[in-house]
PDB file of all heavy atoms in Angstrom:
ATOM      1  N   GLU A   1      66.183 254.129 -37.617  1.00  0.00           N
ATOM      2  CA  GLU A   1      66.676 255.400 -37.096  1.00  0.00           C
ATOM      3  C   GLU A   1      68.146 255.594 -37.461  1.00  0.00           C
ATOM      4  O   GLU A   1      68.880 254.626 -37.666  1.00  0.00           O
ATOM      5  CB  GLU A   1      66.510 255.451 -35.575  1.00  0.00           C
ATOM      6  CG  GLU A   1      65.072 255.433 -35.101  1.00  0.00           C
ATOM      7  CD  GLU A   1      64.971 255.624 -33.599  1.00  0.00           C
ATOM      8  OE1 GLU A   1      66.013 255.870 -32.959  1.00  0.00           O
ATOM      9  OE2 GLU A   1      63.851 255.523 -33.063  1.00  0.00           O
ATOM     10  N   SER A   2      68.573 256.840 -37.524  1.00  0.00           N
ATOM     11  CA  SER A   2      69.977 257.145 -37.747  1.00  0.00           C
ATOM     12  C   SER A   2      70.752 256.976 -36.446  1.00  0.00           C
ATOM     13  O   SER A   2      70.214 257.161 -35.349  1.00  0.00           O
ATOM     14  CB  SER A   2      70.140 258.577 -38.257  1.00  0.00           C
ATOM     15  OG  SER A   2      69.551 258.718 -39.530  1.00  0.00           O
ATOM     16  N   ALA A   3      72.011 256.621 -36.576  1.00  0.00           N
ATOM     17  CA  ALA A   3      72.849 256.455 -35.395  1.00  0.00           C
ATOM     18  C   ALA A   3      73.157 257.805 -34.769  1.00  0.00           C
ATOM     19  O   ALA A   3      73.281 258.827 -35.461  1.00  0.00           O
ATOM     20  CB  ALA A   3      74.139 255.745 -35.770  1.00  0.00           C
ATOM     21  N   ARG A   4      73.270 257.805 -33.438  1.00  0.00           N
ATOM     22  CA  ARG A   4      73.623 259.014 -32.697  1.00  0.00           C
ATOM     23  C   ARG A   4      75.098 258.956 -32.292  1.00  0.00           C
ATOM     24  O   ARG A   4      75.582 257.930 -31.810  1.00  0.00           O
ATOM     25  CB  ARG A   4      72.779 259.139 -31.425  1.00  0.00           C
ATOM     26  CG  ARG A   4      71.302 259.355 -31.678  1.00  0.00           C
ATOM     27  CD  ARG A   4      70.553 259.618 -30.376  1.00  0.00           C
ATOM     28  NE  ARG A   4      70.504 258.452 -29.512  1.00  0.00           N
ATOM     29  CZ  ARG A   4      71.088 258.365 -28.328  1.00  0.00           C
ATOM     30  NH1 ARG A   4      71.807 259.376 -27.849  1.00  0.00           N
ATOM     31  NH2 ARG A   4      70.968 257.272 -27.581  1.00  0.00           N
ATOM     32  N   LEU A   5      75.789 260.072 -32.485  1.00  0.00           N
ATOM     33  CA  LEU A   5      77.184 260.184 -32.072  1.00  0.00           C
ATOM     34  C   LEU A   5      77.230 260.539 -30.591  1.00  0.00           C
ATOM     35  O   LEU A   5      76.619 261.525 -30.167  1.00  0.00           O
ATOM     36  CB  LEU A   5      77.892 261.253 -32.899  1.00  0.00           C
ATOM     37  CG  LEU A   5      79.351 261.552 -32.555  1.00  0.00           C
ATOM     38  CD1 LEU A   5      80.230 260.326 -32.754  1.00  0.00           C
ATOM     39  CD2 LEU A   5      79.858 262.722 -33.402  1.00  0.00           C
ATOM     40  N   LEU A   6      77.964 259.739 -29.803  1.00  0.00           N
ATOM     41  CA  LEU A   6      78.005 259.935 -28.355  1.00  0.00           C
ATOM     42  C   LEU A   6      79.306 260.567 -27.864  1.00  0.00           C
ATOM     43  O   LEU A   6      79.396 260.915 -26.686  1.00  0.00           O
ATOM     44  CB  LEU A   6      77.806 258.591 -27.646  1.00  0.00           C
ATOM     45  CG  LEU A   6      76.486 257.866 -27.924  1.00  0.00           C
ATOM     46  CD1 LEU A   6      76.445 256.544 -27.180  1.00  0.00           C
ATOM     47  CD2 LEU A   6      75.302 258.733 -27.532  1.00  0.00           C
ATOM     48  N   THR A   7      80.286 260.694 -28.709  1.00  0.00           N
ATOM     49  CA  THR A   7      81.585 261.242 -28.296  1.00  0.00           C
ATOM     50  C   THR A   7      81.940 262.452 -29.141  1.00  0.00           C
ATOM     51  O   THR A   7      81.358 262.678 -30.208  1.00  0.00           O
ATOM     52  CB  THR A   7      82.686 260.179 -28.408  1.00  0.00           C
ATOM     53  OG1 THR A   7      82.606 259.549 -29.706  1.00  0.00           O
ATOM     54  CG2 THR A   7      82.547 259.123 -27.331  1.00  0.00           C
ATOM     55  N   ASP A   8      82.928 263.206 -28.678  1.00  0.00           N
ATOM     56  CA  ASP A   8      83.342 264.441 -29.350  1.00  0.00           C
ATOM     57  C   ASP A   8      84.567 264.168 -30.222  1.00  0.00           C
ATOM     58  O   ASP A   8      85.651 263.908 -29.692  1.00  0.00           O
ATOM     59  CB  ASP A   8      83.665 265.504 -28.306  1.00  0.00           C
ATOM     60  CG  ASP A   8      84.081 266.826 -28.933  1.00  0.00           C
ATOM     61  OD1 ASP A   8      84.080 266.937 -30.169  1.00  0.00           O
ATOM     62  OD2 ASP A   8      84.433 267.749 -28.164  1.00  0.00           O
ATOM     63  N   PRO A   9      84.438 264.206 -31.549  1.00  0.00           N
ATOM     64  CA  PRO A   9      85.585 263.921 -32.415  1.00  0.00           C
ATOM     65  C   PRO A   9      86.769 264.857 -32.203  1.00  0.00           C
ATOM     66  O   PRO A   9      87.914 264.486 -32.491  1.00  0.00           O
ATOM     67  CB  PRO A   9      85.008 264.085 -33.827  1.00  0.00           C
ATOM     68  CG  PRO A   9      83.534 263.886 -33.662  1.00  0.00           C
ATOM     69  CD  PRO A   9      83.211 264.453 -32.316  1.00  0.00           C
ATOM     70  N   ALA A  10      86.527 266.044 -31.703  1.00  0.00           N
ATOM     71  CA  ALA A  10      87.626 266.996 -31.505  1.00  0.00           C
ATOM     72  C   ALA A  10      88.589 266.543 -30.425  1.00  0.00           C
ATOM     73  O   ALA A  10      89.778 266.886 -30.459  1.00  0.00           O
ATOM     74  CB  ALA A  10      87.067 268.383 -31.169  1.00  0.00           C
ATOM     75  N   THR A  11      88.067 265.771 -29.453  1.00  0.00           N
ATOM     76  CA  THR A  11      88.907 265.415 -28.302  1.00  0.00           C
ATOM     77  C   THR A  11      89.021 263.919 -28.062  1.00  0.00           C
ATOM     78  O   THR A  11      89.864 263.496 -27.279  1.00  0.00           O
ATOM     79  CB  THR A  11      88.330 266.054 -27.021  1.00  0.00           C
ATOM     80  OG1 THR A  11      86.969 265.606 -26.832  1.00  0.00           O
ATOM     81  CG2 THR A  11      88.339 267.571 -27.134  1.00  0.00           C
ATOM     82  N   THR A  12      88.194 263.102 -28.720  1.00  0.00           N
ATOM     83  CA  THR A  12      88.128 261.676 -28.407  1.00  0.00           C
ATOM     84  C   THR A  12      88.792 260.845 -29.494  1.00  0.00           C
ATOM     85  O   THR A  12      88.589 261.090 -30.692  1.00  0.00           O
ATOM     86  CB  THR A  12      86.662 261.220 -28.250  1.00  0.00           C
ATOM     87  OG1 THR A  12      86.030 262.016 -27.250  1.00  0.00           O
ATOM     88  CG2 THR A  12      86.587 259.750 -27.862  1.00  0.00           C
ATOM     89  N   ASP A  13      89.544 259.842 -29.064  1.00  0.00           N
ATOM     90  CA  ASP A  13      90.191 258.915 -29.990  1.00  0.00           C
ATOM     91  C   ASP A  13      90.136 257.530 -29.353  1.00  0.00           C
ATOM     92  O   ASP A  13      90.894 257.225 -28.434  1.00  0.00           O
ATOM     93  CB  ASP A  13      91.640 259.338 -30.249  1.00  0.00           C
ATOM     94  CG  ASP A  13      92.357 258.431 -31.233  1.00  0.00           C
ATOM     95  OD1 ASP A  13      91.691 257.560 -31.818  1.00  0.00           O
ATOM     96  OD2 ASP A  13      93.579 258.595 -31.407  1.00  0.00           O
ATOM     97  N   LEU A  14      89.204 256.694 -29.814  1.00  0.00           N
ATOM     98  CA  LEU A  14      89.031 255.353 -29.270  1.00  0.00           C
ATOM     99  C   LEU A  14      89.863 254.351 -30.070  1.00  0.00           C
ATOM    100  O   LEU A  14      90.216 254.600 -31.225  1.00  0.00           O
ATOM    101  CB  LEU A  14      87.556 254.953 -29.301  1.00  0.00           C
ATOM    102  CG  LEU A  14      86.578 255.915 -28.626  1.00  0.00           C
ATOM    103  CD1 LEU A  14      85.152 255.381 -28.734  1.00  0.00           C
ATOM    104  CD2 LEU A  14      86.957 256.151 -27.170  1.00  0.00           C
ATOM    105  N   ASP A  15      90.139 253.188 -29.442  1.00  0.00           N
ATOM    106  CA  ASP A  15      90.961 252.193 -30.123  1.00  0.00           C
ATOM    107  C   ASP A  15      90.154 251.089 -30.791  1.00  0.00           C
ATOM    108  O   ASP A  15      90.729 250.151 -31.359  1.00  0.00           O
ATOM    109  CB  ASP A  15      91.975 251.570 -29.155  1.00  0.00           C
ATOM    110  CG  ASP A  15      91.341 250.628 -28.141  1.00  0.00           C
ATOM    111  OD1 ASP A  15      90.102 250.539 -28.094  1.00  0.00           O
ATOM    112  OD2 ASP A  15      92.096 249.974 -27.390  1.00  0.00           O
ATOM    113  N   GLY A  16      88.815 251.168 -30.762  1.00  0.00           N
ATOM    114  CA  GLY A  16      87.988 250.186 -31.449  1.00  0.00           C
ATOM    115  C   GLY A  16      87.447 249.088 -30.569  1.00  0.00           C
ATOM    116  O   GLY A  16      86.545 248.349 -30.982  1.00  0.00           O
ATOM    117  N   GLU A  17      87.967 248.922 -29.348  1.00  0.00           N
ATOM    118  CA  GLU A  17      87.423 247.924 -28.436  1.00  0.00           C
ATOM    119  C   GLU A  17      86.072 248.400 -27.896  1.00  0.00           C
ATOM    120  O   GLU A  17      85.892 249.585 -27.601  1.00  0.00           O
ATOM    121  CB  GLU A  17      88.385 247.679 -27.272  1.00  0.00           C
ATOM    122  CG  GLU A  17      89.671 246.969 -27.678  1.00  0.00           C
ATOM    123  CD  GLU A  17      89.434 245.529 -28.064  1.00  0.00           C
ATOM    124  OE1 GLU A  17      88.623 244.851 -27.393  1.00  0.00           O
ATOM    125  OE2 GLU A  17      90.044 245.075 -29.044  1.00  0.00           O
ATOM    126  N   LEU A  18      85.137 247.458 -27.734  1.00  0.00           N
ATOM    127  CA  LEU A  18      83.786 247.841 -27.323  1.00  0.00           C
ATOM    128  C   LEU A  18      83.139 246.703 -26.544  1.00  0.00           C
ATOM    129  O   LEU A  18      83.168 245.550 -26.977  1.00  0.00           O
ATOM    130  CB  LEU A  18      82.938 248.176 -28.557  1.00  0.00           C
ATOM    131  CG  LEU A  18      81.465 248.506 -28.342  1.00  0.00           C
ATOM    132  CD1 LEU A  18      81.306 249.755 -27.501  1.00  0.00           C
ATOM    133  CD2 LEU A  18      80.758 248.673 -29.690  1.00  0.00           C
ATOM    134  N   LEU A  19      82.571 247.028 -25.385  1.00  0.00           N
ATOM    135  CA  LEU A  19      81.840 246.061 -24.566  1.00  0.00           C
ATOM    136  C   LEU A  19      80.614 246.762 -24.002  1.00  0.00           C
ATOM    137  O   LEU A  19      80.722 247.860 -23.453  1.00  0.00           O
ATOM    138  CB  LEU A  19      82.725 245.539 -23.433  1.00  0.00           C
ATOM    139  CG  LEU A  19      82.101 244.480 -22.523  1.00  0.00           C
ATOM    140  CD1 LEU A  19      81.928 243.170 -23.272  1.00  0.00           C
ATOM    141  CD2 LEU A  19      82.959 244.273 -21.280  1.00  0.00           C
ATOM    142  N   ILE A  20      79.439 246.132 -24.130  1.00  0.00           N
ATOM    143  CA  ILE A  20      78.197 246.734 -23.678  1.00  0.00           C
ATOM    144  C   ILE A  20      77.760 246.087 -22.370  1.00  0.00           C
ATOM    145  O   ILE A  20      77.723 244.858 -22.249  1.00  0.00           O
ATOM    146  CB  ILE A  20      77.092 246.588 -24.734  1.00  0.00           C
ATOM    147  CG1 ILE A  20      77.558 247.180 -26.069  1.00  0.00           C
ATOM    148  CG2 ILE A  20      75.823 247.281 -24.269  1.00  0.00           C
ATOM    149  CD1 ILE A  20      77.972 248.630 -25.999  1.00  0.00           C
ATOM    150  N   THR A  21      77.422 246.919 -21.383  1.00  0.00           N
ATOM    151  CA  THR A  21      76.882 246.461 -20.107  1.00  0.00           C
ATOM    152  C   THR A  21      75.529 247.135 -19.888  1.00  0.00           C
ATOM    153  O   THR A  21      75.073 247.934 -20.718  1.00  0.00           O
ATOM    154  CB  THR A  21      77.824 246.813 -18.945  1.00  0.00           C
ATOM    155  OG1 THR A  21      77.802 248.238 -18.733  1.00  0.00           O
ATOM    156  CG2 THR A  21      79.259 246.377 -19.243  1.00  0.00           C
ATOM    157  N   GLY A  22      74.900 246.846 -18.768  1.00  0.00           N
ATOM    158  CA  GLY A  22      73.623 247.468 -18.473  1.00  0.00           C
ATOM    159  C   GLY A  22      73.710 248.958 -18.245  1.00  0.00           C
ATOM    160  O   GLY A  22      72.694 249.667 -18.284  1.00  0.00           O
ATOM    161  N   GLU A  23      74.917 249.479 -18.031  1.00  0.00           N
ATOM    162  CA  GLU A  23      75.104 250.907 -17.754  1.00  0.00           C
ATOM    163  C   GLU A  23      75.669 251.676 -18.941  1.00  0.00           C
ATOM    164  O   GLU A  23      75.971 252.859 -18.814  1.00  0.00           O
ATOM    165  CB  GLU A  23      76.024 251.085 -16.549  1.00  0.00           C
ATOM    166  CG  GLU A  23      75.465 250.484 -15.268  1.00  0.00           C
ATOM    167  CD  GLU A  23      76.433 250.645 -14.117  1.00  0.00           C
ATOM    168  OE1 GLU A  23      77.383 249.845 -14.034  1.00  0.00           O
ATOM    169  OE2 GLU A  23      76.242 251.570 -13.321  1.00  0.00           O
ATOM    170  N   GLY A  24      75.846 251.001 -20.071  1.00  0.00           N
ATOM    171  CA  GLY A  24      76.378 251.683 -21.234  1.00  0.00           C
ATOM    172  C   GLY A  24      77.526 250.920 -21.858  1.00  0.00           C
ATOM    173  O   GLY A  24      77.638 249.692 -21.719  1.00  0.00           O
ATOM    174  N   ALA A  25      78.394 251.660 -22.541  1.00  0.00           N
ATOM    175  CA  ALA A  25      79.505 251.060 -23.281  1.00  0.00           C
ATOM    176  C   ALA A  25      80.813 251.253 -22.524  1.00  0.00           C
ATOM    177  O   ALA A  25      81.080 252.330 -21.980  1.00  0.00           O
ATOM    178  CB  ALA A  25      79.610 251.690 -24.662  1.00  0.00           C
ATOM    179  N   LEU A  26      81.639 250.205 -22.505  1.00  0.00           N
ATOM    180  CA  LEU A  26      83.012 250.301 -22.018  1.00  0.00           C
ATOM    181  C   LEU A  26      83.921 250.405 -23.227  1.00  0.00           C
ATOM    182  O   LEU A  26      83.895 249.542 -24.118  1.00  0.00           O
ATOM    183  CB  LEU A  26      83.375 249.081 -21.171  1.00  0.00           C
ATOM    184  CG  LEU A  26      82.625 248.939 -19.844  1.00  0.00           C
ATOM    185  CD1 LEU A  26      82.999 247.630 -19.154  1.00  0.00           C
ATOM    186  CD2 LEU A  26      82.906 250.122 -18.922  1.00  0.00           C
ATOM    187  N   VAL A  27      84.710 251.474 -23.282  1.00  0.00           N
ATOM    188  CA  VAL A  27      85.574 251.747 -24.431  1.00  0.00           C
ATOM    189  C   VAL A  27      86.959 252.149 -23.937  1.00  0.00           C
ATOM    190  O   VAL A  27      87.146 252.529 -22.784  1.00  0.00           O
ATOM    191  CB  VAL A  27      84.993 252.867 -25.326  1.00  0.00           C
ATOM    192  CG1 VAL A  27      83.676 252.433 -25.951  1.00  0.00           C
ATOM    193  CG2 VAL A  27      84.823 254.158 -24.538  1.00  0.00           C
ATOM    194  N   HIS A  28      87.925 252.073 -24.844  1.00  0.00           N
ATOM    195  CA  HIS A  28      89.302 252.447 -24.542  1.00  0.00           C
ATOM    196  C   HIS A  28      89.631 253.745 -25.268  1.00  0.00           C
ATOM    197  O   HIS A  28      89.438 253.840 -26.490  1.00  0.00           O
ATOM    198  CB  HIS A  28      90.284 251.371 -25.003  1.00  0.00           C
ATOM    199  CG  HIS A  28      90.011 250.011 -24.424  1.00  0.00           C
ATOM    200  ND1 HIS A  28      90.585 248.867 -24.937  1.00  0.00           N
ATOM    201  CD2 HIS A  28      89.241 249.625 -23.382  1.00  0.00           C
ATOM    202  CE1 HIS A  28      90.180 247.829 -24.235  1.00  0.00           C
ATOM    203  NE2 HIS A  28      89.357 248.264 -23.289  1.00  0.00           N
ATOM    204  N   ALA A  29      90.131 254.728 -24.546  1.00  0.00           N
ATOM    205  CA  ALA A  29      90.422 256.044 -25.121  1.00  0.00           C
ATOM    206  C   ALA A  29      91.911 256.359 -25.021  1.00  0.00           C
ATOM    207  O   ALA A  29      92.509 256.253 -23.953  1.00  0.00           O
ATOM    208  CB  ALA A  29      89.622 257.127 -24.402  1.00  0.00           C
ATOM    209  N   LEU A  30      92.502 256.742 -26.164  1.00  0.00           N
ATOM    210  CA  LEU A  30      93.900 257.165 -26.189  1.00  0.00           C
ATOM    211  C   LEU A  30      94.016 258.564 -25.608  1.00  0.00           C
ATOM    212  O   LEU A  30      93.210 259.450 -25.938  1.00  0.00           O
ATOM    213  CB  LEU A  30      94.441 257.161 -27.611  1.00  0.00           C
ATOM    214  CG  LEU A  30      94.806 255.798 -28.236  1.00  0.00           C
ATOM    215  CD1 LEU A  30      93.581 254.946 -28.483  1.00  0.00           C
ATOM    216  CD2 LEU A  30      95.588 256.003 -29.527  1.00  0.00           C
ATOM    217  N   ASP A  31      95.040 258.767 -24.763  1.00  0.00           N
ATOM    218  CA  ASP A  31      95.182 260.056 -24.095  1.00  0.00           C
ATOM    219  C   ASP A  31      96.643 260.279 -23.711  1.00  0.00           C
ATOM    220  O   ASP A  31      97.118 259.727 -22.731  1.00  0.00           O
ATOM    221  CB  ASP A  31      94.287 260.107 -22.853  1.00  0.00           C
ATOM    222  CG  ASP A  31      94.336 261.456 -22.146  1.00  0.00           C
ATOM    223  OD1 ASP A  31      94.878 262.418 -22.729  1.00  0.00           O
ATOM    224  OD2 ASP A  31      93.841 261.548 -21.011  1.00  0.00           O
ATOM    225  N   ARG A  32      97.365 261.029 -24.533  1.00  0.00           N
ATOM    226  CA  ARG A  32      98.734 261.455 -24.225  1.00  0.00           C
ATOM    227  C   ARG A  32      99.626 260.276 -23.803  1.00  0.00           C
ATOM    228  O   ARG A  32     100.257 260.282 -22.756  1.00  0.00           O
ATOM    229  CB  ARG A  32      98.717 262.523 -23.131  1.00  0.00           C
ATOM    230  CG  ARG A  32      98.046 263.822 -23.569  1.00  0.00           C
ATOM    231  CD  ARG A  32      97.978 264.829 -22.442  1.00  0.00           C
ATOM    232  NE  ARG A  32      99.303 265.212 -21.964  1.00  0.00           N
ATOM    233  CZ  ARG A  32     100.062 266.171 -22.487  1.00  0.00           C
ATOM    234  NH1 ARG A  32      99.618 266.853 -23.534  1.00  0.00           N
ATOM    235  NH2 ARG A  32     101.242 266.465 -21.969  1.00  0.00           N
ATOM    236  N   GLY A  33      99.666 259.264 -24.643  1.00  0.00           N
ATOM    237  CA  GLY A  33     100.530 258.127 -24.373  1.00  0.00           C
ATOM    238  C   GLY A  33      99.934 257.085 -23.460  1.00  0.00           C
ATOM    239  O   GLY A  33     100.589 256.082 -23.161  1.00  0.00           O
ATOM    240  N   ARG A  34      98.715 257.283 -23.008  1.00  0.00           N
ATOM    241  CA  ARG A  34      98.005 256.302 -22.201  1.00  0.00           C
ATOM    242  C   ARG A  34      96.786 255.812 -22.977  1.00  0.00           C
ATOM    243  O   ARG A  34      96.342 256.436 -23.932  1.00  0.00           O
ATOM    244  CB  ARG A  34      97.527 256.892 -20.874  1.00  0.00           C
ATOM    245  CG  ARG A  34      98.613 257.145 -19.843  1.00  0.00           C
ATOM    246  CD  ARG A  34      99.206 258.485 -19.972  1.00  0.00           C
ATOM    247  NE  ARG A  34     100.102 258.805 -18.848  1.00  0.00           N
ATOM    248  CZ  ARG A  34     101.022 259.749 -18.888  1.00  0.00           C
ATOM    249  NH1 ARG A  34     101.165 260.494 -19.988  1.00  0.00           N
ATOM    250  NH2 ARG A  34     101.792 259.982 -17.848  1.00  0.00           N
TER     251      ARG A  34
END
């Protein structure tokens, strides 16, 4: 199957960290200096 995009490129900027749990993915998102 082809991969599905789960985030919006227009507004989302992740730092590449990724951890999978039973409830989904834990990711780090850049947001106005945070």
